[in-house]
Amino acid sequence: MGFAPWIVYWVLVGNVPFTTAVLVALGVAVLSFLIGRVKRRPGRTLEIGAVATFLVLTVLTFTLSHAFMERWIQPLSNAGIFLVALTGVLIGKPFVREFAEVGQPPEVIDSDVFRRITALLTWIWVAAFAGMTVSSLIPPIVYGDATILDTKTPLSFVCYWVIPFSLLGLAALASRVLPDRMAPDPEDVVRSTTFVAYGEATIDELYYLATEHANREVGAGKEAYEVKVGGKGTPLVGDEDRNSWPSTYKVRDRR
């Protein structure tokens, strides 16, 4: 959903009139945004950025000359997705994390590993989009007659097309390979929770209750181990005889 407008645009821009390419991409971007909001799907940053980018490109396409757009429409569109991705990072909403959070339990989303992986992958995409932008800027700056439709001048087709989409492909491969390499073994992940016990409970009773609570959380076929209880419980509101105790544990297959 998030990349759909860009994919449509990149397919069309070299094969149909520019006005058609940007209008179709804008229509897909608007539909993607509306569907995402109705179904409450993730990716709002990427969707809003796509609508804004293709709205600007539509205005430019209808107001500037065809010759100008032949030289600059590719770097402008690449700069658009670069700015969208970079803005998401700067405002604390990296687009990779928005998509990766879907279907994940809170303990995964709040983990340092998850934040580290999604941050790295987002920066890889930002770097790829930056490289795409820089590459596509070379032909119109270096070669005055550059055009994205030129298939005979190596400078044009290599910098407009080959390098940018090679970088796009490498970013996609990294998104598939890196998470598996960076993710720790599931049995090494420390989970946090709280359980309720009477304030006068002994340490053995606390560990027993903490273990029982953790095993209920992990579900069938799994068991909690290396259960640890925090140093201080918090009295419950309205029931000062019982405390809420913090605890941590790891999960493994039941033996």
Protein backbone atom coordinates (compact mmCIF):
# COMPACT_ATOMS: atom_id res chain seq x y z
CA MET A 1 0.00 0.00 0.00
CA GLY A 2 2.72 2.47 0.96
CA PHE A 3 4.88 1.96 -2.12
CA ALA A 4 2.02 1.42 -4.59
CA PRO A 5 1.90 5.03 -5.91
CA TRP A 6 5.67 5.11 -6.43
CA ILE A 7 5.73 1.76 -8.20
CA VAL A 8 2.93 2.84 -10.54
CA TYR A 9 4.72 6.11 -11.24
CA TRP A 10 8.13 4.50 -11.92
CA VAL A 11 6.54 2.05 -14.35
CA LEU A 12 4.59 4.72 -16.22
CA VAL A 13 6.90 7.75 -16.27
CA GLY A 14 9.15 6.48 -19.07
CA ASN A 15 6.35 4.93 -21.13
CA VAL A 16 3.41 7.36 -21.15
CA PRO A 17 3.03 11.18 -21.15
CA PHE A 18 4.23 12.74 -17.91
CA THR A 19 0.80 14.17 -17.14
CA THR A 20 -0.71 10.69 -17.33
CA ALA A 21 1.99 9.19 -15.12
CA VAL A 22 1.67 11.76 -12.34
CA LEU A 23 -2.14 11.86 -12.43
CA VAL A 24 -2.44 8.08 -12.18
CA ALA A 25 0.17 8.00 -9.38
CA LEU A 26 -1.68 10.81 -7.56
CA GLY A 27 -4.96 8.91 -7.88
CA VAL A 28 -3.38 5.74 -6.48
CA ALA A 29 -1.79 7.76 -3.65
CA VAL A 30 -5.13 9.29 -2.67
CA LEU A 31 -6.90 5.92 -2.81
CA SER A 32 -4.12 4.31 -0.79
CA PHE A 33 -4.44 7.01 1.85
CA LEU A 34 -8.23 6.70 2.05
CA ILE A 35 -8.19 2.89 2.24
CA GLY A 36 -5.48 3.02 4.88
CA ARG A 37 -7.50 5.38 7.03
CA VAL A 38 -10.74 3.41 6.64
CA LYS A 39 -9.02 0.14 7.56
CA ARG A 40 -6.67 1.85 10.03
CA ARG A 41 -3.61 0.39 8.38
CA PRO A 42 -0.06 1.59 9.16
CA GLY A 43 2.08 3.76 6.92
CA ARG A 44 0.45 7.15 7.35
CA THR A 45 3.79 8.96 6.90
CA LEU A 46 4.52 7.28 3.57
CA GLU A 47 0.93 7.70 2.36
CA ILE A 48 0.70 11.40 3.21
CA GLY A 49 4.13 11.95 1.66
CA ALA A 50 3.06 10.24 -1.56
CA VAL A 51 -0.04 12.42 -1.87
CA ALA A 52 2.00 15.58 -1.27
CA THR A 53 4.78 14.57 -3.67
CA PHE A 54 2.53 13.66 -6.59
CA LEU A 55 0.35 16.69 -6.02
CA VAL A 56 3.44 18.89 -6.42
CA LEU A 57 4.62 16.91 -9.47
CA THR A 58 1.17 17.26 -11.03
CA VAL A 59 1.25 21.04 -10.64
CA LEU A 60 4.79 21.22 -12.05
CA THR A 61 3.93 18.97 -14.99
CA PHE A 62 1.04 21.21 -16.02
CA THR A 63 2.92 24.49 -15.51
CA LEU A 64 6.46 23.80 -16.77
CA SER A 65 7.68 22.89 -20.23
CA HIS A 66 7.93 19.32 -21.46
CA ALA A 67 11.67 19.75 -22.09
CA PHE A 68 12.23 20.86 -18.50
CA MET A 69 10.30 17.91 -17.10
CA GLU A 70 12.22 15.46 -19.30
CA ARG A 71 15.39 16.56 -17.54
CA TRP A 72 14.12 17.09 -14.00
CA ILE A 73 11.04 14.94 -13.31
CA GLN A 74 13.11 11.94 -12.23
CA PRO A 75 15.34 13.78 -9.71
CA LEU A 76 12.28 15.66 -8.41
CA SER A 77 10.34 12.46 -7.77
CA ASN A 78 13.35 10.76 -6.18
CA ALA A 79 13.90 13.80 -3.97
CA GLY A 80 10.24 13.58 -2.96
CA ILE A 81 10.42 10.04 -1.59
CA PHE A 82 13.80 10.82 0.01
CA LEU A 83 12.33 13.79 1.89
CA VAL A 84 9.28 11.74 2.93
CA ALA A 85 11.43 8.95 4.39
CA LEU A 86 13.84 11.39 6.07
CA THR A 87 10.99 13.42 7.56
CA GLY A 88 9.50 10.26 9.06
CA VAL A 89 12.78 9.56 10.85
CA LEU A 90 13.15 13.12 12.09
CA ILE A 91 9.62 13.25 13.55
CA GLY A 92 10.03 9.86 15.22
CA LYS A 93 7.82 7.88 12.82
CA PRO A 94 10.17 5.85 10.58
CA PHE A 95 8.03 4.22 7.91
CA VAL A 96 9.66 0.78 8.29
CA ARG A 97 8.67 0.68 11.96
CA GLU A 98 5.08 1.70 11.13
CA PHE A 99 4.70 -1.35 8.91
CA ALA A 100 6.73 -3.75 11.07
CA GLU A 101 4.60 -3.09 14.18
CA VAL A 102 1.55 -4.74 12.61
CA GLY A 103 0.63 -7.96 14.41
CA GLN A 104 3.54 -7.76 16.86
CA PRO A 105 2.92 -8.09 20.61
CA PRO A 106 3.75 -5.09 22.85
CA GLU A 107 6.85 -6.73 24.30
CA VAL A 108 8.34 -7.03 20.79
CA ILE A 109 7.43 -3.46 19.75
CA ASP A 110 8.91 -2.05 22.96
CA SER A 111 12.11 -4.09 22.75
CA ASP A 112 15.49 -2.55 22.00
CA VAL A 113 16.13 -5.14 19.29
CA PHE A 114 12.97 -4.20 17.39
CA ARG A 115 13.74 -0.48 17.59
CA ARG A 116 17.33 -1.07 16.49
CA ILE A 117 16.40 -3.22 13.48
CA THR A 118 13.63 -0.94 12.23
CA ALA A 119 15.81 2.15 12.71
CA LEU A 120 18.67 0.60 10.72
CA LEU A 121 16.37 -0.55 7.92
CA THR A 122 14.75 2.88 7.71
CA TRP A 123 18.17 4.54 7.40
CA ILE A 124 19.11 2.04 4.67
CA TRP A 125 16.03 3.11 2.70
CA VAL A 126 16.78 6.78 3.36
CA ALA A 127 20.34 6.24 2.08
CA ALA A 128 19.01 4.44 -1.01
CA PHE A 129 16.59 7.26 -1.77
CA ALA A 130 19.37 9.81 -1.25
CA GLY A 131 21.60 7.88 -3.67
CA MET A 132 18.76 7.71 -6.20
CA THR A 133 18.30 11.48 -5.95
CA VAL A 134 21.99 12.28 -6.33
CA SER A 135 22.40 9.89 -9.26
CA SER A 136 19.42 11.29 -11.15
CA LEU A 137 20.70 14.85 -10.63
CA ILE A 138 23.93 14.12 -12.51
CA PRO A 139 22.58 14.01 -16.11
CA PRO A 140 20.72 17.37 -16.11
CA ILE A 141 23.63 19.08 -14.33
CA VAL A 142 26.50 17.58 -16.34
CA TYR A 143 24.79 17.09 -19.70
CA GLY A 144 22.49 19.91 -20.70
CA ASP A 145 20.47 17.88 -23.22
CA ALA A 146 19.81 15.01 -20.81
CA THR A 147 16.39 13.37 -20.85
CA ILE A 148 14.94 10.34 -19.12
CA LEU A 149 13.85 9.08 -22.55
CA ASP A 150 17.44 8.92 -23.85
CA THR A 151 18.54 5.29 -24.33
CA LYS A 152 21.70 6.05 -26.34
CA THR A 153 23.71 8.27 -23.95
CA PRO A 154 25.17 6.12 -21.14
CA LEU A 155 25.29 9.06 -18.73
CA SER A 156 21.55 9.52 -19.07
CA PHE A 157 20.20 6.00 -18.80
CA VAL A 158 22.77 4.83 -16.25
CA CYS A 159 22.23 7.77 -13.85
CA TYR A 160 18.50 8.18 -14.46
CA TRP A 161 17.61 4.49 -14.33
CA VAL A 162 20.33 1.88 -13.75
CA ILE A 163 21.95 3.23 -10.59
CA PRO A 164 18.76 4.45 -8.85
CA PHE A 165 16.86 1.21 -9.30
CA SER A 166 19.89 -0.90 -8.44
CA LEU A 167 20.00 0.98 -5.13
CA LEU A 168 16.26 0.37 -4.71
CA GLY A 169 16.78 -3.35 -5.25
CA LEU A 170 19.67 -3.49 -2.78
CA ALA A 171 17.55 -1.76 -0.13
CA ALA A 172 14.78 -4.31 -0.69
CA LEU A 173 17.28 -7.19 -0.33
CA ALA A 174 18.67 -5.66 2.87
CA SER A 175 15.15 -5.43 4.28
CA ARG A 176 14.74 -9.16 3.73
CA VAL A 177 18.15 -10.35 4.95
CA LEU A 178 19.19 -8.07 7.84
CA PRO A 179 16.29 -8.69 10.29
CA ASP A 180 17.05 -12.43 10.40
CA ARG A 181 20.74 -11.75 11.03
CA MET A 182 20.17 -9.09 13.68
CA ALA A 183 17.33 -10.69 15.62
CA PRO A 184 18.43 -12.57 18.76
CA ASP A 185 17.43 -16.12 19.51
CA PRO A 186 13.84 -16.05 20.86
CA GLU A 187 15.05 -17.77 24.02
CA ASP A 188 17.41 -14.86 24.71
CA VAL A 189 14.71 -12.18 24.67
CA VAL A 190 13.89 -10.84 28.14
CA ARG A 191 10.22 -10.02 28.65
CA SER A 192 8.83 -7.71 31.34
CA THR A 193 5.53 -8.03 33.20
CA THR A 194 3.89 -7.43 36.59
CA PHE A 195 1.99 -9.71 38.93
CA VAL A 196 -0.05 -9.23 42.10
CA ALA A 197 0.89 -10.65 45.51
CA TYR A 198 0.21 -9.87 49.16
CA GLY A 199 2.64 -7.39 50.65
CA GLU A 200 3.75 -9.90 53.30
CA ALA A 201 4.55 -12.66 50.80
CA THR A 202 7.93 -14.36 51.24
CA ILE A 203 10.55 -14.35 48.50
CA ASP A 204 9.77 -17.99 47.64
CA GLU A 205 6.08 -17.16 47.32
CA LEU A 206 6.89 -14.17 45.09
CA TYR A 207 8.99 -16.29 42.74
CA TYR A 208 6.29 -18.96 42.60
CA LEU A 209 3.59 -16.40 41.76
CA ALA A 210 5.85 -14.68 39.24
CA THR A 211 6.55 -17.99 37.48
CA GLU A 212 2.87 -18.97 37.39
CA HIS A 213 1.92 -15.56 36.00
CA ALA A 214 4.63 -15.74 33.33
CA ASN A 215 3.58 -19.23 32.25
CA ARG A 216 0.01 -18.02 31.81
CA GLU A 217 1.28 -15.22 29.56
CA VAL A 218 3.45 -17.40 27.29
CA GLY A 219 0.63 -19.82 26.48
CA ALA A 220 0.50 -23.50 25.57
CA GLY A 221 3.64 -25.31 24.48
CA LYS A 222 5.93 -22.68 26.05
CA GLU A 223 7.38 -22.15 29.49
CA ALA A 224 8.99 -19.26 31.32
CA TYR A 225 12.46 -19.56 32.76
CA GLU A 226 15.06 -17.36 34.42
CA VAL A 227 12.19 -15.60 36.20
CA LYS A 228 13.35 -12.61 38.25
CA VAL A 229 11.32 -10.44 40.61
CA GLY A 230 11.88 -6.71 40.98
CA GLY A 231 13.08 -5.28 44.26
CA LYS A 232 9.97 -3.35 45.27
CA GLY A 233 6.23 -3.79 44.89
CA THR A 234 3.70 -1.00 44.46
CA PRO A 235 0.57 -1.07 46.69
CA LEU A 236 -2.65 -1.42 44.70
CA VAL A 237 -5.05 1.50 44.82
CA GLY A 238 -7.91 0.61 47.17
CA ASP A 239 -6.21 -2.60 48.37
CA GLU A 240 -3.02 -1.76 50.27
CA ASP A 241 -2.64 -5.36 51.45
CA ARG A 242 -1.60 -6.43 47.96
CA ASN A 243 1.24 -5.15 45.80
CA SER A 244 1.99 -5.08 42.09
CA TRP A 245 5.45 -6.60 41.58
CA PRO A 246 7.62 -6.17 38.47
CA SER A 247 9.27 -9.27 37.04
CA THR A 248 11.21 -10.41 33.98
CA TYR A 249 11.52 -13.79 32.28
CA LYS A 250 12.62 -15.59 29.14
CA VAL A 251 10.57 -18.04 27.08
CA ARG A 252 11.43 -21.46 25.66
CA ASP A 253 9.60 -24.52 24.35
CA ARG A 254 8.10 -26.59 27.14
CA ARG A 255 10.32 -29.50 28.06
